C-alpha cells in the first residue's frame, strides 16, 4: 500500500475559485474530506497569506456565506495581515 492510499481524497467545492472583490483578488477554497464531517474555508490573498476558519461548516454554501458575510462586514482587507500591501486592480 502506498502513502497515497492512506491520504483521503479532498473534495473541492464548485464554489471555490479566484474572485475579484473591490479590485482585490482573493482565492477561495472550500473543501472537505467527507461532507458529513463538514466543509473547511480558506481564503488566500495576493501575498499567499492563508486565512482559515477554525470551525467547519455543515455545507459548502454555509462556508461561502461566511466568506460573503466577512466581505460585507469587514471588506476584503480582512484577509490581509497587518503591514501587507493591498494592490487594487481597476
PDB file of N, CA and C in Angstrom:
ATOM      1  N   UNK A   1       0.854  -1.175   0.000  1.00  0.00           N
ATOM      2  CA  UNK A   1       0.000   0.000   0.000  1.00  0.00           C
ATOM      3  C   UNK A   1       0.898   1.236   0.000  1.00  0.00           C
ATOM      4  N   UNK A   2       0.656   2.163  -0.885  1.00  0.00           N
ATOM      5  CA  UNK A   2       1.465   3.379  -0.956  1.00  0.00           C
ATOM      6  C   UNK A   2       0.916   4.442  -0.021  1.00  0.00           C
ATOM      7  N   UNK A   3       1.741   5.466   0.225  1.00  0.00           N
ATOM      8  CA  UNK A   3       1.308   6.570   1.078  1.00  0.00           C
ATOM      9  C   UNK A   3       0.072   7.248   0.525  1.00  0.00           C
ATOM     10  N   UNK A   4      -0.030   7.318  -0.803  1.00  0.00           N
ATOM     11  CA  UNK A   4      -1.183   7.993  -1.398  1.00  0.00           C
ATOM     12  C   UNK A   4      -2.482   7.245  -1.104  1.00  0.00           C
ATOM     13  N   UNK A   5      -2.388   5.926  -0.851  1.00  0.00           N
ATOM     14  CA  UNK A   5      -3.583   5.165  -0.496  1.00  0.00           C
ATOM     15  C   UNK A   5      -4.078   5.526   0.898  1.00  0.00           C
ATOM     16  N   UNK A   6      -3.174   6.030   1.740  1.00  0.00           N
ATOM     17  CA  UNK A   6      -3.537   6.403   3.099  1.00  0.00           C
ATOM     18  C   UNK A   6      -4.141   7.801   3.177  1.00  0.00           C
ATOM     19  N   UNK A   7      -3.883   8.632   2.168  1.00  0.00           N
ATOM     20  CA  UNK A   7      -4.365  10.007   2.172  1.00  0.00           C
ATOM     21  C   UNK A   7      -5.778  10.064   1.612  1.00  0.00           C
ATOM     22  N   UNK A   8      -6.692  10.633   2.385  1.00  0.00           N
ATOM     23  CA  UNK A   8      -8.053  10.747   1.865  1.00  0.00           C
ATOM     24  C   UNK A   8      -8.098  11.753   0.719  1.00  0.00           C
ATOM     25  N   UNK A   9      -9.002  11.531  -0.203  1.00  0.00           N
ATOM     26  CA  UNK A   9      -9.178  12.455  -1.313  1.00  0.00           C
ATOM     27  C   UNK A   9      -9.949  13.672  -0.845  1.00  0.00           C
ATOM     28  N   UNK A  10      -9.432  14.844  -1.169  1.00  0.00           N
ATOM     29  CA  UNK A  10     -10.111  16.086  -0.830  1.00  0.00           C
ATOM     30  C   UNK A  10     -11.160  16.375  -1.896  1.00  0.00           C
ATOM     31  N   UNK A  11     -12.282  16.889  -1.450  1.00  0.00           N
ATOM     32  CA  UNK A  11     -13.339  17.323  -2.353  1.00  0.00           C
ATOM     33  C   UNK A  11     -13.292  18.842  -2.381  1.00  0.00           C
ATOM     34  N   UNK A  12     -13.104  19.410  -3.558  1.00  0.00           N
ATOM     35  CA  UNK A  12     -13.064  20.855  -3.728  1.00  0.00           C
ATOM     36  C   UNK A  12     -14.424  21.311  -4.241  1.00  0.00           C
ATOM     37  N   UNK A  13     -15.047  22.221  -3.516  1.00  0.00           N
ATOM     38  CA  UNK A  13     -16.365  22.724  -3.880  1.00  0.00           C
ATOM     39  C   UNK A  13     -16.321  23.480  -5.202  1.00  0.00           C
ATOM     40  N   UNK A  14     -17.416  23.422  -5.935  1.00  0.00           N
ATOM     41  CA  UNK A  14     -17.557  24.211  -7.160  1.00  0.00           C
ATOM     42  C   UNK A  14     -17.620  25.703  -6.845  1.00  0.00           C
ATOM     43  N   UNK A  15     -17.839  26.061  -5.581  1.00  0.00           N
ATOM     44  CA  UNK A  15     -17.852  27.467  -5.174  1.00  0.00           C
ATOM     45  C   UNK A  15     -16.436  28.016  -5.003  1.00  0.00           C
ATOM     46  N   UNK A  16     -15.453  27.144  -4.986  1.00  0.00           N
ATOM     47  CA  UNK A  16     -14.058  27.572  -4.862  1.00  0.00           C
ATOM     48  C   UNK A  16     -13.618  28.260  -6.144  1.00  0.00           C
ATOM     49  N   UNK A  17     -12.669  29.171  -5.996  1.00  0.00           N
ATOM     50  CA  UNK A  17     -12.129  29.828  -7.179  1.00  0.00           C
ATOM     51  C   UNK A  17     -11.482  31.147  -6.842  1.00  0.00           C
ATOM     52  N   UNK A  18     -11.054  31.828  -7.880  1.00  0.00           N
ATOM     53  CA  UNK A  18     -10.426  33.134  -7.750  1.00  0.00           C
ATOM     54  C   UNK A  18     -11.496  34.197  -7.972  1.00  0.00           C
ATOM     55  N   UNK A  19     -11.593  35.126  -7.023  1.00  0.00           N
ATOM     56  CA  UNK A  19     -12.630  36.153  -7.084  1.00  0.00           C
ATOM     57  C   UNK A  19     -12.009  37.528  -6.914  1.00  0.00           C
ATOM     58  N   UNK A  20     -12.546  38.493  -7.656  1.00  0.00           N
ATOM     59  CA  UNK A  20     -12.128  39.883  -7.546  1.00  0.00           C
ATOM     60  C   UNK A  20     -13.165  40.604  -6.693  1.00  0.00           C
ATOM     61  N   UNK A  21     -12.709  41.198  -5.584  1.00  0.00           N
ATOM     62  CA  UNK A  21     -13.599  41.908  -4.662  1.00  0.00           C
ATOM     63  C   UNK A  21     -13.033  43.307  -4.456  1.00  0.00           C
ATOM     64  N   UNK A  22     -13.747  44.312  -4.893  1.00  0.00           N
ATOM     65  CA  UNK A  22     -13.287  45.706  -4.765  1.00  0.00           C
ATOM     66  C   UNK A  22     -11.873  45.892  -5.306  1.00  0.00           C
ATOM     67  N   UNK A  23     -11.579  45.236  -6.425  1.00  0.00           N
ATOM     68  CA  UNK A  23     -10.267  45.360  -7.048  1.00  0.00           C
ATOM     69  C   UNK A  23      -9.183  44.514  -6.416  1.00  0.00           C
ATOM     70  N   UNK A  24      -9.549  43.663  -5.485  1.00  0.00           N
ATOM     71  CA  UNK A  24      -8.590  42.795  -4.793  1.00  0.00           C
ATOM     72  C   UNK A  24      -8.904  41.342  -5.142  1.00  0.00           C
ATOM     73  N   UNK A  25      -7.891  40.628  -5.632  1.00  0.00           N
ATOM     74  CA  UNK A  25      -8.094  39.223  -5.997  1.00  0.00           C
ATOM     75  C   UNK A  25      -7.867  38.332  -4.778  1.00  0.00           C
ATOM     76  N   UNK A  26      -8.848  37.474  -4.514  1.00  0.00           N
ATOM     77  CA  UNK A  26      -8.766  36.502  -3.427  1.00  0.00           C
ATOM     78  C   UNK A  26      -9.044  35.117  -3.980  1.00  0.00           C
ATOM     79  N   UNK A  27      -8.313  34.144  -3.488  1.00  0.00           N
ATOM     80  CA  UNK A  27      -8.539  32.745  -3.843  1.00  0.00           C
ATOM     81  C   UNK A  27      -9.344  32.118  -2.711  1.00  0.00           C
ATOM     82  N   UNK A  28     -10.518  31.598  -3.036  1.00  0.00           N
ATOM     83  CA  UNK A  28     -11.399  30.985  -2.041  1.00  0.00           C
ATOM     84  C   UNK A  28     -11.371  29.474  -2.245  1.00  0.00           C
ATOM     85  N   UNK A  29     -11.021  28.751  -1.190  1.00  0.00           N
ATOM     86  CA  UNK A  29     -11.004  27.290  -1.224  1.00  0.00           C
ATOM     87  C   UNK A  29     -12.002  26.773  -0.198  1.00  0.00           C
ATOM     88  N   UNK A  30     -12.989  26.057  -0.684  1.00  0.00           N
ATOM     89  CA  UNK A  30     -13.971  25.399   0.176  1.00  0.00           C
ATOM     90  C   UNK A  30     -13.799  23.913  -0.096  1.00  0.00           C
ATOM     91  N   UNK A  31     -13.412  23.158   0.931  1.00  0.00           N
ATOM     92  CA  UNK A  31     -13.070  21.763   0.702  1.00  0.00           C
ATOM     93  C   UNK A  31     -13.405  20.888   1.893  1.00  0.00           C
ATOM     94  N   UNK A  32     -13.424  19.595   1.632  1.00  0.00           N
ATOM     95  CA  UNK A  32     -13.676  18.625   2.703  1.00  0.00           C
ATOM     96  C   UNK A  32     -13.122  17.269   2.298  1.00  0.00           C
ATOM     97  N   UNK A  33     -13.030  16.402   3.277  1.00  0.00           N
ATOM     98  CA  UNK A  33     -12.682  15.009   3.031  1.00  0.00           C
ATOM     99  C   UNK A  33     -13.974  14.206   2.945  1.00  0.00           C
ATOM    100  N   UNK A  34     -14.905  14.527   3.825  1.00  0.00           N
ATOM    101  CA  UNK A  34     -16.202  13.855   3.891  1.00  0.00           C
ATOM    102  C   UNK A  34     -17.256  14.917   4.194  1.00  0.00           C
ATOM    103  N   UNK A  35     -18.193  15.158   3.278  1.00  0.00           N
ATOM    104  CA  UNK A  35     -19.201  16.196   3.510  1.00  0.00           C
ATOM    105  C   UNK A  35     -19.965  16.031   4.825  1.00  0.00           C
ATOM    106  N   UNK A  36     -20.078  14.807   5.319  1.00  0.00           N
ATOM    107  CA  UNK A  36     -20.775  14.583   6.589  1.00  0.00           C
ATOM    108  C   UNK A  36     -19.981  15.125   7.779  1.00  0.00           C
ATOM    109  N   UNK A  37     -18.689  15.364   7.589  1.00  0.00           N
ATOM    110  CA  UNK A  37     -17.842  15.892   8.662  1.00  0.00           C
ATOM    111  C   UNK A  37     -17.639  17.399   8.550  1.00  0.00           C
ATOM    112  N   UNK A  38     -18.219  18.010   7.560  1.00  0.00           N
ATOM    113  CA  UNK A  38     -18.155  19.462   7.421  1.00  0.00           C
ATOM    114  C   UNK A  38     -17.157  19.929   6.378  1.00  0.00           C
ATOM    115  N   UNK A  39     -17.341  21.177   5.998  1.00  0.00           N
ATOM    116  CA  UNK A  39     -16.524  21.835   4.984  1.00  0.00           C
ATOM    117  C   UNK A  39     -15.600  22.850   5.631  1.00  0.00           C
ATOM    118  N   UNK A  40     -14.401  22.971   5.103  1.00  0.00           N
ATOM    119  CA  UNK A  40     -13.426  23.958   5.573  1.00  0.00           C
ATOM    120  C   UNK A  40     -13.407  25.140   4.608  1.00  0.00           C
ATOM    121  N   UNK A  41     -13.074  26.312   5.150  1.00  0.00           N
ATOM    122  CA  UNK A  41     -12.986  27.536   4.353  1.00  0.00           C
ATOM    123  C   UNK A  41     -11.586  28.117   4.490  1.00  0.00           C
ATOM    124  N   UNK A  42     -10.946  28.367   3.362  1.00  0.00           N
ATOM    125  CA  UNK A  42      -9.628  29.004   3.323  1.00  0.00           C
ATOM    126  C   UNK A  42      -9.675  30.119   2.286  1.00  0.00           C
ATOM    127  N   UNK A  43      -9.144  31.279   2.657  1.00  0.00           N
ATOM    128  CA  UNK A  43      -9.027  32.392   1.726  1.00  0.00           C
ATOM    129  C   UNK A  43      -7.551  32.752   1.643  1.00  0.00           C
ATOM    130  N   UNK A  44      -7.035  32.868   0.425  1.00  0.00           N
ATOM    131  CA  UNK A  44      -5.630  33.188   0.204  1.00  0.00           C
ATOM    132  C   UNK A  44      -5.556  34.522  -0.535  1.00  0.00           C
ATOM    133  N   UNK A  45      -4.766  35.457   0.014  1.00  0.00           N
ATOM    134  CA  UNK A  45      -4.643  36.763  -0.632  1.00  0.00           C
ATOM    135  C   UNK A  45      -3.494  36.761  -1.643  1.00  0.00           C
ATOM    136  N   UNK A  46      -3.261  37.903  -2.272  1.00  0.00           N
ATOM    137  CA  UNK A  46      -2.253  38.021  -3.329  1.00  0.00           C
ATOM    138  C   UNK A  46      -0.826  37.776  -2.852  1.00  0.00           C
ATOM    139  N   UNK A  47      -0.588  37.840  -1.559  1.00  0.00           N
ATOM    140  CA  UNK A  47       0.741  37.579  -0.999  1.00  0.00           C
ATOM    141  C   UNK A  47       0.919  36.106  -0.632  1.00  0.00           C
ATOM    142  N   UNK A  48      -0.144  35.321  -0.785  1.00  0.00           N
ATOM    143  CA  UNK A  48      -0.098  33.916  -0.406  1.00  0.00           C
ATOM    144  C   UNK A  48      -0.454  33.676   1.047  1.00  0.00           C
ATOM    145  N   UNK A  49      -0.876  34.735   1.739  1.00  0.00           N
ATOM    146  CA  UNK A  49      -1.287  34.599   3.135  1.00  0.00           C
ATOM    147  C   UNK A  49      -2.627  33.882   3.189  1.00  0.00           C
ATOM    148  N   UNK A  50      -2.677  32.817   3.960  1.00  0.00           N
ATOM    149  CA  UNK A  50      -3.875  31.993   4.073  1.00  0.00           C
ATOM    150  C   UNK A  50      -4.632  32.317   5.359  1.00  0.00           C
ATOM    151  N   UNK A  51      -5.927  32.526   5.207  1.00  0.00           N
ATOM    152  CA  UNK A  51      -6.812  32.710   6.354  1.00  0.00           C
ATOM    153  C   UNK A  51      -7.789  31.546   6.354  1.00  0.00           C
ATOM    154  N   UNK A  52      -7.818  30.796   7.463  1.00  0.00           N
ATOM    155  CA  UNK A  52      -8.755  29.683   7.571  1.00  0.00           C
ATOM    156  C   UNK A  52      -9.652  29.899   8.780  1.00  0.00           C
ATOM    157  N   UNK A  53     -10.839  29.374   8.707  1.00  0.00           N
ATOM    158  CA  UNK A  53     -11.772  29.432   9.824  1.00  0.00           C
ATOM    159  C   UNK A  53     -11.571  28.182  10.671  1.00  0.00           C
ATOM    160  N   UNK A  54     -11.613  28.355  11.994  1.00  0.00           N
ATOM    161  CA  UNK A  54     -11.439  27.220  12.901  1.00  0.00           C
ATOM    162  C   UNK A  54     -12.614  26.256  12.843  1.00  0.00           C
ATOM    163  N   UNK A  55     -13.800  26.804  12.645  1.00  0.00           N
ATOM    164  CA  UNK A  55     -14.982  25.948  12.629  1.00  0.00           C
ATOM    165  C   UNK A  55     -15.167  25.321  11.252  1.00  0.00           C
ATOM    166  N   UNK A  56     -15.862  24.192  11.228  1.00  0.00           N
ATOM    167  CA  UNK A  56     -16.250  23.603   9.950  1.00  0.00           C
ATOM    168  C   UNK A  56     -17.700  23.994   9.685  1.00  0.00           C
ATOM    169  N   UNK A  57     -18.103  23.870   8.451  1.00  0.00           N
ATOM    170  CA  UNK A  57     -19.431  24.301   8.029  1.00  0.00           C
ATOM    171  C   UNK A  57     -20.235  23.098   7.556  1.00  0.00           C
ATOM    172  N   UNK A  58     -21.526  23.122   7.846  1.00  0.00           N
ATOM    173  CA  UNK A  58     -22.396  21.993   7.518  1.00  0.00           C
ATOM    174  C   UNK A  58     -22.499  21.772   6.010  1.00  0.00           C
ATOM    175  N   UNK A  59     -22.374  22.841   5.245  1.00  0.00           N
ATOM    176  CA  UNK A  59     -22.468  22.713   3.790  1.00  0.00           C
ATOM    177  C   UNK A  59     -21.472  23.655   3.130  1.00  0.00           C
ATOM    178  N   UNK A  60     -21.202  23.405   1.874  1.00  0.00           N
ATOM    179  CA  UNK A  60     -20.314  24.301   1.139  1.00  0.00           C
ATOM    180  C   UNK A  60     -20.951  25.680   0.994  1.00  0.00           C
ATOM    181  N   UNK A  61     -22.272  25.730   0.911  1.00  0.00           N
ATOM    182  CA  UNK A  61     -22.971  27.014   0.837  1.00  0.00           C
ATOM    183  C   UNK A  61     -22.790  27.809   2.129  1.00  0.00           C
ATOM    184  N   UNK A  62     -22.815  27.127   3.270  1.00  0.00           N
ATOM    185  CA  UNK A  62     -22.583  27.810   4.554  1.00  0.00           C
ATOM    186  C   UNK A  62     -21.180  28.425   4.597  1.00  0.00           C
ATOM    187  N   UNK A  63     -20.192  27.704   4.070  1.00  0.00           N
ATOM    188  CA  UNK A  63     -18.827  28.235   4.027  1.00  0.00           C
ATOM    189  C   UNK A  63     -18.766  29.456   3.114  1.00  0.00           C
ATOM    190  N   UNK A  64     -19.411  29.377   1.968  1.00  0.00           N
ATOM    191  CA  UNK A  64     -19.460  30.513   1.044  1.00  0.00           C
ATOM    192  C   UNK A  64     -20.143  31.718   1.702  1.00  0.00           C
ATOM    193  N   UNK A  65     -21.240  31.461   2.391  1.00  0.00           N
ATOM    194  CA  UNK A  65     -21.963  32.539   3.072  1.00  0.00           C
ATOM    195  C   UNK A  65     -21.085  33.217   4.124  1.00  0.00           C
ATOM    196  N   UNK A  66     -20.229  32.456   4.797  1.00  0.00           N
ATOM    197  CA  UNK A  66     -19.289  33.027   5.764  1.00  0.00           C
ATOM    198  C   UNK A  66     -18.303  33.955   5.058  1.00  0.00           C
ATOM    199  N   UNK A  67     -17.786  33.528   3.924  1.00  0.00           N
ATOM    200  CA  UNK A  67     -16.880  34.367   3.139  1.00  0.00           C
ATOM    201  C   UNK A  67     -17.575  35.670   2.744  1.00  0.00           C
ATOM    202  N   UNK A  68     -18.768  35.573   2.179  1.00  0.00           N
ATOM    203  CA  UNK A  68     -19.515  36.759   1.747  1.00  0.00           C
ATOM    204  C   UNK A  68     -19.843  37.647   2.946  1.00  0.00           C
ATOM    205  N   UNK A  69     -20.242  37.057   4.066  1.00  0.00           N
ATOM    206  CA  UNK A  69     -20.555  37.824   5.271  1.00  0.00           C
ATOM    207  C   UNK A  69     -19.351  38.610   5.771  1.00  0.00           C
ATOM    208  N   UNK A  70     -18.174  37.997   5.714  1.00  0.00           N
ATOM    209  CA  UNK A  70     -16.954  38.691   6.134  1.00  0.00           C
ATOM    210  C   UNK A  70     -16.640  39.839   5.184  1.00  0.00           C
ATOM    211  N   UNK A  71     -16.799  39.614   3.895  1.00  0.00           N
ATOM    212  CA  UNK A  71     -16.569  40.673   2.903  1.00  0.00           C
ATOM    213  C   UNK A  71     -17.513  41.844   3.163  1.00  0.00           C
ATOM    214  N   UNK A  72     -18.791  41.541   3.398  1.00  0.00           N
ATOM    215  CA  UNK A  72     -19.777  42.604   3.625  1.00  0.00           C
ATOM    216  C   UNK A  72     -19.514  43.362   4.922  1.00  0.00           C
ATOM    217  N   UNK A  73     -19.079  42.665   5.964  1.00  0.00           N
ATOM    218  CA  UNK A  73     -18.868  43.295   7.271  1.00  0.00           C
ATOM    219  C   UNK A  73     -17.521  44.012   7.380  1.00  0.00           C
ATOM    220  N   UNK A  74     -16.462  43.415   6.808  1.00  0.00           N
ATOM    221  CA  UNK A  74     -15.107  43.919   7.034  1.00  0.00           C
ATOM    222  C   UNK A  74     -14.358  44.305   5.764  1.00  0.00           C
ATOM    223  N   UNK A  75     -14.892  43.909   4.616  1.00  0.00           N
ATOM    224  CA  UNK A  75     -14.201  44.164   3.361  1.00  0.00           C
ATOM    225  C   UNK A  75     -13.121  43.130   3.101  1.00  0.00           C
ATOM    226  N   UNK A  76     -12.573  43.122   1.887  1.00  0.00           N
ATOM    227  CA  UNK A  76     -11.542  42.139   1.547  1.00  0.00           C
ATOM    228  C   UNK A  76     -10.255  42.325   2.343  1.00  0.00           C
ATOM    229  N   UNK A  77     -10.076  43.503   2.925  1.00  0.00           N
ATOM    230  CA  UNK A  77      -8.889  43.764   3.745  1.00  0.00           C
ATOM    231  C   UNK A  77      -8.812  42.832   4.951  1.00  0.00           C
ATOM    232  N   UNK A  78      -9.929  42.233   5.330  1.00  0.00           N
ATOM    233  CA  UNK A  78      -9.960  41.305   6.467  1.00  0.00           C
ATOM    234  C   UNK A  78      -9.034  40.107   6.249  1.00  0.00           C
ATOM    235  N   UNK A  79      -8.685  39.842   5.000  1.00  0.00           N
ATOM    236  CA  UNK A  79      -7.870  38.673   4.681  1.00  0.00           C
ATOM    237  C   UNK A  79      -6.398  39.024   4.448  1.00  0.00           C
ATOM    238  N   UNK A  80      -5.987  40.195   4.925  1.00  0.00           N
ATOM    239  CA  UNK A  80      -4.592  40.626   4.836  1.00  0.00           C
ATOM    240  C   UNK A  80      -4.033  40.790   6.239  1.00  0.00           C
ATOM    241  N   UNK A  81      -2.781  40.384   6.415  1.00  0.00           N
ATOM    242  CA  UNK A  81      -2.096  40.608   7.686  1.00  0.00           C
ATOM    243  C   UNK A  81      -1.717  42.076   7.803  1.00  0.00           C
ATOM    244  N   UNK A  82      -1.576  42.522   9.030  1.00  0.00           N
ATOM    245  CA  UNK A  82      -1.147  43.900   9.269  1.00  0.00           C
ATOM    246  C   UNK A  82       0.200  44.131   8.584  1.00  0.00           C
ATOM    247  N   UNK A  83       0.307  45.225   7.861  1.00  0.00           N
ATOM    248  CA  UNK A  83       1.547  45.563   7.178  1.00  0.00           C
ATOM    249  C   UNK A  83       1.642  45.056   5.751  1.00  0.00           C
ATOM    250  N   UNK A  84       0.751  44.149   5.347  1.00  0.00           N
ATOM    251  CA  UNK A  84       0.770  43.684   3.962  1.00  0.00           C
ATOM    252  C   UNK A  84       0.176  44.762   3.063  1.00  0.00           C
ATOM    253  N   UNK A  85       0.831  44.994   1.938  1.00  0.00           N
ATOM    254  CA  UNK A  85       0.305  45.975   0.992  1.00  0.00           C
ATOM    255  C   UNK A  85      -0.902  45.384   0.264  1.00  0.00           C
ATOM    256  N   UNK A  86      -1.808  46.262  -0.103  1.00  0.00           N
ATOM    257  CA  UNK A  86      -3.002  45.848  -0.837  1.00  0.00           C
ATOM    258  C   UNK A  86      -2.957  46.536  -2.191  1.00  0.00           C
ATOM    259  N   UNK A  87      -2.880  45.743  -3.241  1.00  0.00           N
ATOM    260  CA  UNK A  87      -2.834  46.271  -4.602  1.00  0.00           C
ATOM    261  C   UNK A  87      -4.190  46.075  -5.257  1.00  0.00           C
ATOM    262  N   UNK A  88      -4.898  47.160  -5.443  1.00  0.00           N
ATOM    263  CA  UNK A  88      -6.218  47.088  -6.075  1.00  0.00           C
ATOM    264  C   UNK A  88      -6.060  47.154  -7.594  1.00  0.00           C
ATOM    265  N   UNK A  89      -6.721  46.260  -8.268  1.00  0.00           N
ATOM    266  CA  UNK A  89      -6.752  46.266  -9.728  1.00  0.00           C
ATOM    267  C   UNK A  89      -8.005  46.999 -10.169  1.00  0.00           C
ATOM    268  N   UNK A  90      -7.868  47.804 -11.174  1.00  0.00           N
ATOM    269  CA  UNK A  90      -9.041  48.558 -11.648  1.00  0.00           C
ATOM    270  C   UNK A  90      -9.296  48.281 -13.092  1.00  0.00           C
TER     271      UNK A  90
END
